[in-house]
Amino acid sequence: MATFLDKLKKRLQTWHEERADRMQNKRQARLDAEAREAVQVMEFNGELFVSMNGVPLLAVYDLNETLPEVVSHARQNYKDWKEEKLWEK
């Protein structure tokens, strides 16, 4: 009887581990798809930008600068984009 319960316990443990793996793989696939949709390359004012949810943040030429400069330019690019969207209304 003990061997039957041991086998059942082992199968149940295996099932739980495989289920956890499947759930983790699905979660990672959803996150990957969301990341591909959210972070893209787009053209804005004749230049290529890395964008987040359709908002241009980093120009290609910004990638060679220091981090504080990159962040400053990203903020300015965001403000420019936001102002252009406000003028469209």
Protein backbone atom coordinates (compact mmCIF):
# COMPACT_ATOMS: atom_id res chain seq x y z
CA MET A 1 0.00 0.00 0.00
CA ALA A 2 2.84 2.38 0.80
CA THR A 3 4.29 1.97 -2.70
CA PHE A 4 0.94 2.86 -4.31
CA LEU A 5 0.70 6.02 -2.20
CA ASP A 6 4.33 6.86 -2.96
CA LYS A 7 3.69 6.46 -6.70
CA LEU A 8 0.54 8.58 -6.46
CA LYS A 9 2.39 11.25 -4.49
CA LYS A 10 5.22 11.28 -7.03
CA ARG A 11 2.81 11.58 -9.98
CA LEU A 12 0.93 14.38 -8.25
CA GLN A 13 4.18 16.20 -7.55
CA THR A 14 5.27 15.78 -11.19
CA TRP A 15 1.89 17.07 -12.39
CA HIS A 16 2.17 20.14 -10.14
CA GLU A 17 5.68 20.90 -11.37
CA GLU A 18 4.70 20.51 -15.03
CA ARG A 19 1.62 22.68 -14.48
CA ALA A 20 3.76 25.38 -12.87
CA ASP A 21 6.14 25.21 -15.84
CA ARG A 22 3.25 25.52 -18.31
CA MET A 23 1.85 28.49 -16.42
CA GLN A 24 5.27 30.17 -16.33
CA ASN A 25 5.78 29.58 -20.07
CA LYS A 26 2.36 31.08 -20.86
CA ARG A 27 3.09 34.08 -18.65
CA GLN A 28 6.46 34.62 -20.34
CA ALA A 29 4.88 34.32 -23.80
CA ARG A 30 2.26 36.94 -22.86
CA LEU A 31 4.93 39.27 -21.50
CA ASP A 32 7.07 38.81 -24.62
CA ALA A 33 4.12 39.62 -26.88
CA GLU A 34 3.23 42.66 -24.77
CA ALA A 35 6.84 43.89 -24.86
CA ARG A 36 7.01 43.47 -28.66
CA GLU A 37 3.82 45.49 -29.01
CA ALA A 38 4.74 48.19 -26.47
CA VAL A 39 8.40 48.81 -27.42
CA GLN A 40 8.97 49.47 -31.09
CA VAL A 41 10.88 51.60 -33.57
CA MET A 42 8.93 54.41 -35.19
CA GLU A 43 9.51 57.40 -37.42
CA PHE A 44 8.78 60.82 -35.92
CA ASN A 45 9.62 64.14 -37.57
CA GLY A 46 11.75 62.36 -40.16
CA GLU A 47 13.93 60.48 -37.65
CA LEU A 48 13.89 56.96 -36.21
CA PHE A 49 13.03 56.59 -32.54
CA VAL A 50 12.67 53.80 -30.02
CA SER A 51 9.09 54.20 -28.86
CA MET A 52 7.04 53.01 -25.92
CA ASN A 53 3.31 52.58 -26.58
CA GLY A 54 3.57 54.82 -29.63
CA VAL A 55 5.48 57.59 -27.85
CA PRO A 56 8.90 58.34 -29.40
CA LEU A 57 11.53 58.45 -26.68
CA LEU A 58 15.05 57.70 -27.90
CA ALA A 59 16.41 58.84 -31.22
CA VAL A 60 19.00 56.66 -32.89
CA TYR A 61 21.70 59.30 -32.34
CA ASP A 62 20.89 59.38 -28.59
CA LEU A 63 22.25 55.87 -28.14
CA ASN A 64 25.86 57.10 -28.23
CA GLU A 65 25.46 59.57 -25.34
CA THR A 66 25.67 59.28 -21.58
CA LEU A 67 22.65 58.12 -19.62
CA PRO A 68 21.73 61.55 -18.19
CA GLU A 69 21.86 63.06 -21.69
CA VAL A 70 19.76 60.20 -23.08
CA VAL A 71 17.12 60.69 -20.37
CA SER A 72 17.09 64.44 -20.95
CA HIS A 73 16.60 63.95 -24.69
CA ALA A 74 13.91 61.30 -24.08
CA ARG A 75 12.01 63.77 -21.91
CA GLN A 76 12.33 66.47 -24.55
CA ASN A 77 11.20 64.04 -27.27
CA TYR A 78 8.20 63.12 -25.14
CA LYS A 79 7.31 66.79 -24.63
CA ASP A 80 7.65 67.46 -28.37
CA TRP A 81 5.43 64.49 -29.19
CA LYS A 82 2.86 65.50 -26.57
CA GLU A 83 2.77 69.08 -27.85
CA GLU A 84 2.29 67.87 -31.42
CA LYS A 85 -0.61 65.66 -30.29
CA LEU A 86 -2.21 68.60 -28.49
CA TRP A 87 -2.00 70.70 -31.66
CA GLU A 88 -3.71 67.92 -33.62
CA LYS A 89 -6.85 68.32 -31.47
